[in-house]
Amino acid sequence: MRLDKFLKISRIIKRRSVAKEVADKGRIQINGKLAKSSTDVKVGDQLKIQFGNKIMKVKVNELHESTKKEDASKMYAIISETRKQNIDKID
């Protein structure tokens, strides 16, 4: 399954166009390698997604062509979620 479609169906990112944009800007890695939006995602892969000030690492558990909102979170497991600290603070 394509990376952008997985992110949308699993509801990690709400819109596929946003998922495509994030991937194509080089903010997503699959198993430590930079991934494009068309990269195939397989069960067992580990994704590292860099949002604005948050880095999220997830493991792919299941792949489905479509899911209900309640079942979407079963498609992945969150390994870690960290926030970047602001180095330059305004006094």
N, C-alpha and C. Protein backbone atom coordinates (compact mmCIF):
# COMPACT_ATOMS: atom_id res chain seq x y z
N MET A 1 0.84 -1.16 0.00
CA MET A 1 0.00 0.00 0.00
C MET A 1 0.90 1.24 0.00
N ARG A 2 0.50 2.26 -0.72
CA ARG A 2 1.25 3.51 -0.78
C ARG A 2 1.30 4.18 0.59
N LEU A 3 2.39 4.87 0.84
CA LEU A 3 2.58 5.54 2.12
C LEU A 3 1.51 6.59 2.39
N ASP A 4 1.22 7.43 1.41
CA ASP A 4 0.22 8.48 1.63
C ASP A 4 -1.17 7.91 1.90
N LYS A 5 -1.50 6.81 1.25
CA LYS A 5 -2.80 6.17 1.49
C LYS A 5 -2.85 5.54 2.88
N PHE A 6 -1.76 4.91 3.31
CA PHE A 6 -1.72 4.32 4.64
C PHE A 6 -1.92 5.39 5.72
N LEU A 7 -1.23 6.52 5.57
CA LEU A 7 -1.34 7.58 6.56
C LEU A 7 -2.76 8.13 6.65
N LYS A 8 -3.46 8.19 5.53
CA LYS A 8 -4.83 8.68 5.53
C LYS A 8 -5.79 7.65 6.13
N ILE A 9 -5.69 6.41 5.69
CA ILE A 9 -6.62 5.37 6.16
C ILE A 9 -6.43 5.10 7.65
N SER A 10 -5.18 5.13 8.12
CA SER A 10 -4.92 4.90 9.54
C SER A 10 -5.23 6.14 10.37
N ARG A 11 -5.52 7.24 9.71
CA ARG A 11 -5.86 8.52 10.33
C ARG A 11 -4.72 9.13 11.15
N ILE A 12 -3.49 8.79 10.78
CA ILE A 12 -2.33 9.48 11.36
C ILE A 12 -2.31 10.90 10.82
N ILE A 13 -2.58 11.04 9.52
CA ILE A 13 -2.76 12.34 8.87
C ILE A 13 -4.14 12.31 8.22
N LYS A 14 -4.92 13.35 8.41
CA LYS A 14 -6.33 13.33 8.02
C LYS A 14 -6.58 13.34 6.52
N ARG A 15 -5.75 14.08 5.76
CA ARG A 15 -5.99 14.19 4.32
C ARG A 15 -4.82 13.61 3.54
N ARG A 16 -5.14 12.93 2.46
CA ARG A 16 -4.10 12.28 1.65
C ARG A 16 -3.20 13.31 0.98
N SER A 17 -3.74 14.44 0.59
CA SER A 17 -2.92 15.47 -0.04
C SER A 17 -1.89 16.02 0.94
N VAL A 18 -2.26 16.14 2.21
CA VAL A 18 -1.32 16.60 3.23
C VAL A 18 -0.26 15.51 3.47
N ALA A 19 -0.68 14.25 3.51
CA ALA A 19 0.25 13.14 3.70
C ALA A 19 1.27 13.10 2.55
N LYS A 20 0.80 13.33 1.33
CA LYS A 20 1.69 13.35 0.17
C LYS A 20 2.69 14.49 0.28
N GLU A 21 2.22 15.65 0.68
CA GLU A 21 3.09 16.81 0.80
C GLU A 21 4.17 16.60 1.88
N VAL A 22 3.78 16.06 3.03
CA VAL A 22 4.73 15.79 4.12
C VAL A 22 5.79 14.79 3.66
N ALA A 23 5.37 13.73 2.99
CA ALA A 23 6.31 12.71 2.53
C ALA A 23 7.27 13.26 1.47
N ASP A 24 6.75 14.02 0.55
CA ASP A 24 7.58 14.54 -0.54
C ASP A 24 8.55 15.63 -0.07
N LYS A 25 8.32 16.21 1.10
CA LYS A 25 9.25 17.19 1.67
C LYS A 25 10.36 16.51 2.46
N GLY A 26 10.35 15.18 2.53
CA GLY A 26 11.43 14.46 3.19
C GLY A 26 11.28 14.37 4.69
N ARG A 27 10.06 14.39 5.19
CA ARG A 27 9.82 14.35 6.63
C ARG A 27 9.39 12.97 7.14
N ILE A 28 9.42 11.97 6.27
CA ILE A 28 9.02 10.62 6.68
C ILE A 28 10.11 9.63 6.29
N GLN A 29 10.42 8.75 7.22
CA GLN A 29 11.38 7.68 6.97
C GLN A 29 10.70 6.34 7.22
N ILE A 30 11.02 5.36 6.38
CA ILE A 30 10.55 3.99 6.58
C ILE A 30 11.78 3.14 6.83
N ASN A 31 11.84 2.53 7.99
CA ASN A 31 12.98 1.70 8.40
C ASN A 31 14.31 2.44 8.23
N GLY A 32 14.31 3.72 8.57
CA GLY A 32 15.54 4.51 8.52
C GLY A 32 15.89 5.12 7.18
N LYS A 33 15.09 4.87 6.15
CA LYS A 33 15.35 5.42 4.82
C LYS A 33 14.30 6.45 4.47
N LEU A 34 14.72 7.53 3.83
CA LEU A 34 13.80 8.57 3.40
C LEU A 34 12.76 7.99 2.44
N ALA A 35 11.50 8.36 2.63
CA ALA A 35 10.42 7.78 1.83
C ALA A 35 9.65 8.86 1.09
N LYS A 36 9.22 8.51 -0.11
CA LYS A 36 8.33 9.37 -0.89
C LYS A 36 6.90 8.91 -0.66
N SER A 37 5.94 9.67 -1.17
CA SER A 37 4.53 9.32 -0.96
C SER A 37 4.14 8.03 -1.66
N SER A 38 4.86 7.64 -2.70
CA SER A 38 4.52 6.44 -3.45
C SER A 38 5.22 5.19 -2.93
N THR A 39 6.05 5.32 -1.89
CA THR A 39 6.77 4.18 -1.34
C THR A 39 5.79 3.17 -0.74
N ASP A 40 6.06 1.88 -0.98
CA ASP A 40 5.19 0.83 -0.44
C ASP A 40 5.44 0.63 1.05
N VAL A 41 4.35 0.50 1.80
CA VAL A 41 4.41 0.22 3.23
C VAL A 41 3.99 -1.23 3.42
N LYS A 42 4.75 -1.96 4.26
CA LYS A 42 4.43 -3.37 4.54
C LYS A 42 4.25 -3.56 6.03
N VAL A 43 3.58 -4.63 6.42
CA VAL A 43 3.41 -4.96 7.83
C VAL A 43 4.79 -5.18 8.45
N GLY A 44 5.02 -4.58 9.60
CA GLY A 44 6.30 -4.70 10.29
C GLY A 44 7.22 -3.51 10.07
N ASP A 45 6.90 -2.64 9.10
CA ASP A 45 7.73 -1.46 8.86
C ASP A 45 7.62 -0.47 10.01
N GLN A 46 8.69 0.28 10.24
CA GLN A 46 8.68 1.33 11.25
C GLN A 46 8.77 2.68 10.54
N LEU A 47 7.82 3.55 10.85
CA LEU A 47 7.76 4.87 10.24
C LEU A 47 8.20 5.92 11.26
N LYS A 48 8.97 6.89 10.80
CA LYS A 48 9.35 8.04 11.62
C LYS A 48 8.81 9.26 10.90
N ILE A 49 7.84 9.93 11.52
CA ILE A 49 7.15 11.06 10.89
C ILE A 49 7.48 12.33 11.66
N GLN A 50 7.96 13.34 10.95
CA GLN A 50 8.30 14.61 11.58
C GLN A 50 7.21 15.62 11.24
N PHE A 51 6.43 15.98 12.25
CA PHE A 51 5.45 17.04 12.10
C PHE A 51 6.15 18.35 12.44
N GLY A 52 5.44 19.42 12.64
CA GLY A 52 6.06 20.71 12.93
C GLY A 52 7.04 20.65 14.08
N ASN A 53 6.58 20.36 15.29
CA ASN A 53 7.48 20.29 16.44
C ASN A 53 7.40 18.93 17.14
N LYS A 54 6.91 17.94 16.43
CA LYS A 54 6.72 16.62 17.02
C LYS A 54 7.29 15.55 16.10
N ILE A 55 7.94 14.54 16.70
CA ILE A 55 8.43 13.40 15.94
C ILE A 55 7.73 12.17 16.47
N MET A 56 7.11 11.42 15.57
CA MET A 56 6.31 10.26 15.94
C MET A 56 6.89 9.02 15.27
N LYS A 57 7.12 7.98 16.05
CA LYS A 57 7.59 6.71 15.51
C LYS A 57 6.48 5.68 15.71
N VAL A 58 6.09 5.02 14.60
CA VAL A 58 5.02 4.02 14.66
C VAL A 58 5.46 2.74 13.95
N LYS A 59 4.87 1.64 14.35
CA LYS A 59 5.10 0.35 13.70
C LYS A 59 3.81 -0.06 13.02
N VAL A 60 3.90 -0.50 11.77
CA VAL A 60 2.74 -0.91 11.00
C VAL A 60 2.33 -2.32 11.43
N ASN A 61 1.10 -2.48 11.92
CA ASN A 61 0.59 -3.78 12.36
C ASN A 61 -0.29 -4.46 11.32
N GLU A 62 -1.14 -3.68 10.66
CA GLU A 62 -2.10 -4.23 9.70
C GLU A 62 -2.24 -3.27 8.52
N LEU A 63 -2.66 -3.83 7.39
CA LEU A 63 -2.99 -3.01 6.22
C LEU A 63 -4.40 -3.35 5.78
N HIS A 64 -5.23 -2.32 5.61
CA HIS A 64 -6.60 -2.48 5.13
C HIS A 64 -6.86 -1.44 4.05
N GLU A 65 -7.69 -1.78 3.10
CA GLU A 65 -8.03 -0.82 2.05
C GLU A 65 -8.93 0.29 2.57
N SER A 66 -9.75 -0.01 3.56
CA SER A 66 -10.58 0.99 4.21
C SER A 66 -10.86 0.53 5.63
N THR A 67 -11.09 1.48 6.52
CA THR A 67 -11.37 1.14 7.91
C THR A 67 -12.40 2.08 8.49
N LYS A 68 -13.00 1.62 9.58
CA LYS A 68 -13.87 2.49 10.36
C LYS A 68 -12.99 3.28 11.31
N LYS A 69 -13.51 4.37 11.82
CA LYS A 69 -12.74 5.23 12.70
C LYS A 69 -12.22 4.47 13.93
N GLU A 70 -13.05 3.59 14.47
CA GLU A 70 -12.68 2.84 15.68
C GLU A 70 -11.56 1.83 15.40
N ASP A 71 -11.48 1.31 14.18
CA ASP A 71 -10.49 0.28 13.83
C ASP A 71 -9.19 0.86 13.28
N ALA A 72 -9.16 2.14 12.99
CA ALA A 72 -7.99 2.75 12.36
C ALA A 72 -6.76 2.67 13.25
N SER A 73 -6.93 2.80 14.56
CA SER A 73 -5.78 2.79 15.47
C SER A 73 -5.16 1.40 15.61
N LYS A 74 -5.86 0.36 15.16
CA LYS A 74 -5.32 -1.00 15.21
C LYS A 74 -4.31 -1.25 14.10
N MET A 75 -4.27 -0.36 13.11
CA MET A 75 -3.36 -0.53 11.98
C MET A 75 -1.91 -0.24 12.34
N TYR A 76 -1.69 0.47 13.46
CA TYR A 76 -0.33 0.84 13.85
C TYR A 76 -0.20 0.88 15.36
N ALA A 77 1.03 0.82 15.83
CA ALA A 77 1.33 0.96 17.25
C ALA A 77 2.34 2.09 17.40
N ILE A 78 2.09 2.98 18.33
CA ILE A 78 3.00 4.10 18.56
C ILE A 78 4.19 3.61 19.38
N ILE A 79 5.38 3.76 18.83
CA ILE A 79 6.61 3.38 19.52
C ILE A 79 7.06 4.53 20.43
N SER A 80 7.13 5.74 19.86
CA SER A 80 7.49 6.91 20.66
C SER A 80 6.92 8.16 20.03
N GLU A 81 6.78 9.17 20.87
CA GLU A 81 6.26 10.46 20.43
C GLU A 81 7.02 11.52 21.22
N THR A 82 7.82 12.32 20.54
CA THR A 82 8.62 13.33 21.23
C THR A 82 8.37 14.70 20.65
N ARG A 83 8.55 15.70 21.48
CA ARG A 83 8.41 17.08 21.04
C ARG A 83 9.77 17.74 21.04
N LYS A 84 10.00 18.59 20.05
CA LYS A 84 11.25 19.35 19.99
C LYS A 84 11.16 20.48 21.02
N GLN A 85 12.27 20.75 21.67
CA GLN A 85 12.33 21.86 22.62
C GLN A 85 12.80 23.11 21.89
N ASN A 86 12.23 24.23 22.25
CA ASN A 86 12.67 25.51 21.66
C ASN A 86 14.00 25.90 22.28
N ILE A 87 15.02 26.04 21.46
CA ILE A 87 16.34 26.40 21.94
C ILE A 87 16.39 27.90 22.22
N ASP A 88 15.87 28.68 21.32
CA ASP A 88 15.87 30.13 21.49
C ASP A 88 14.57 30.56 22.14
N LYS A 89 14.62 30.89 23.41
CA LYS A 89 13.43 31.36 24.12
C LYS A 89 13.47 32.87 24.25
N ILE A 90 12.34 33.50 24.09
CA ILE A 90 12.25 34.94 24.20
C ILE A 90 12.04 35.29 25.67
N ASP A 91 12.89 36.17 26.20
CA ASP A 91 12.78 36.55 27.61
C ASP A 91 11.87 37.74 27.79
